[in-house]
Amino acid sequence: MIDPAELDLMAQLARFVRQSRWADFTGAAFTAESPSHVTVYRLPAEPTT
């Protein structure tokens, strides 16, 4: 498994922002002891001109 902090850094370098993170697909809270994680990233909204 990729460490969540490493994944966050890779996403940030690709200009994504983290929207949410859970321990599993049921939406259980993610903790330092969680054996897995489900993370949702999004691209920030483009500024309108």
Protein backbone atom coordinates (compact mmCIF):
# COMPACT_ATOMS: atom_id res chain seq x y z
CA MET A 1 0.00 0.00 0.00
CA ILE A 2 1.17 3.51 -0.74
CA ASP A 3 1.52 5.61 2.39
CA PRO A 4 -1.29 8.21 2.50
CA ALA A 5 1.19 11.07 2.96
CA GLU A 6 3.13 9.95 -0.14
CA LEU A 7 -0.09 9.72 -2.12
CA ASP A 8 -1.09 13.21 -0.98
CA LEU A 9 2.28 14.56 -2.15
CA MET A 10 1.97 12.89 -5.56
CA ALA A 11 -1.55 14.27 -5.94
CA GLN A 12 -0.41 17.74 -4.91
CA LEU A 13 2.39 17.66 -7.49
CA ALA A 14 -0.26 16.81 -10.10
CA ARG A 15 -2.33 19.81 -8.89
CA PHE A 16 -5.02 17.73 -7.19
CA VAL A 17 -6.46 18.55 -3.77
CA ARG A 18 -7.70 15.96 -1.31
CA GLN A 19 -11.45 16.02 -0.86
CA SER A 20 -11.89 13.15 1.60
CA ARG A 21 -10.28 10.02 3.03
CA TRP A 22 -11.86 6.97 4.64
CA ALA A 23 -10.59 3.64 5.94
CA ASP A 24 -12.83 1.68 3.54
CA PHE A 25 -15.65 1.97 1.03
CA THR A 26 -18.28 2.03 3.79
CA GLY A 27 -16.99 5.43 4.93
CA ALA A 28 -15.36 4.26 8.17
CA ALA A 29 -13.10 6.86 9.75
CA PHE A 30 -9.46 6.72 8.67
CA THR A 31 -6.97 6.48 11.54
CA ALA A 32 -3.23 5.85 11.83
CA GLU A 33 -4.09 2.19 12.55
CA SER A 34 -6.26 1.75 9.44
CA PRO A 35 -4.82 -1.04 7.24
CA SER A 36 -6.11 0.63 4.06
CA HIS A 37 -7.53 3.88 2.81
CA VAL A 38 -9.90 5.24 0.18
CA THR A 39 -8.98 8.76 -0.84
CA VAL A 40 -10.84 11.09 -3.18
CA TYR A 41 -8.99 13.91 -4.92
CA ARG A 42 -10.28 16.62 -7.22
CA LEU A 43 -8.83 19.28 -9.43
CA PRO A 44 -9.40 22.81 -8.17
CA ALA A 45 -11.93 24.87 -10.10
CA GLU A 46 -10.46 26.89 -12.93
CA PRO A 47 -10.81 30.63 -12.37
CA THR A 48 -13.31 32.20 -14.75
CA THR A 49 -12.27 35.26 -16.70
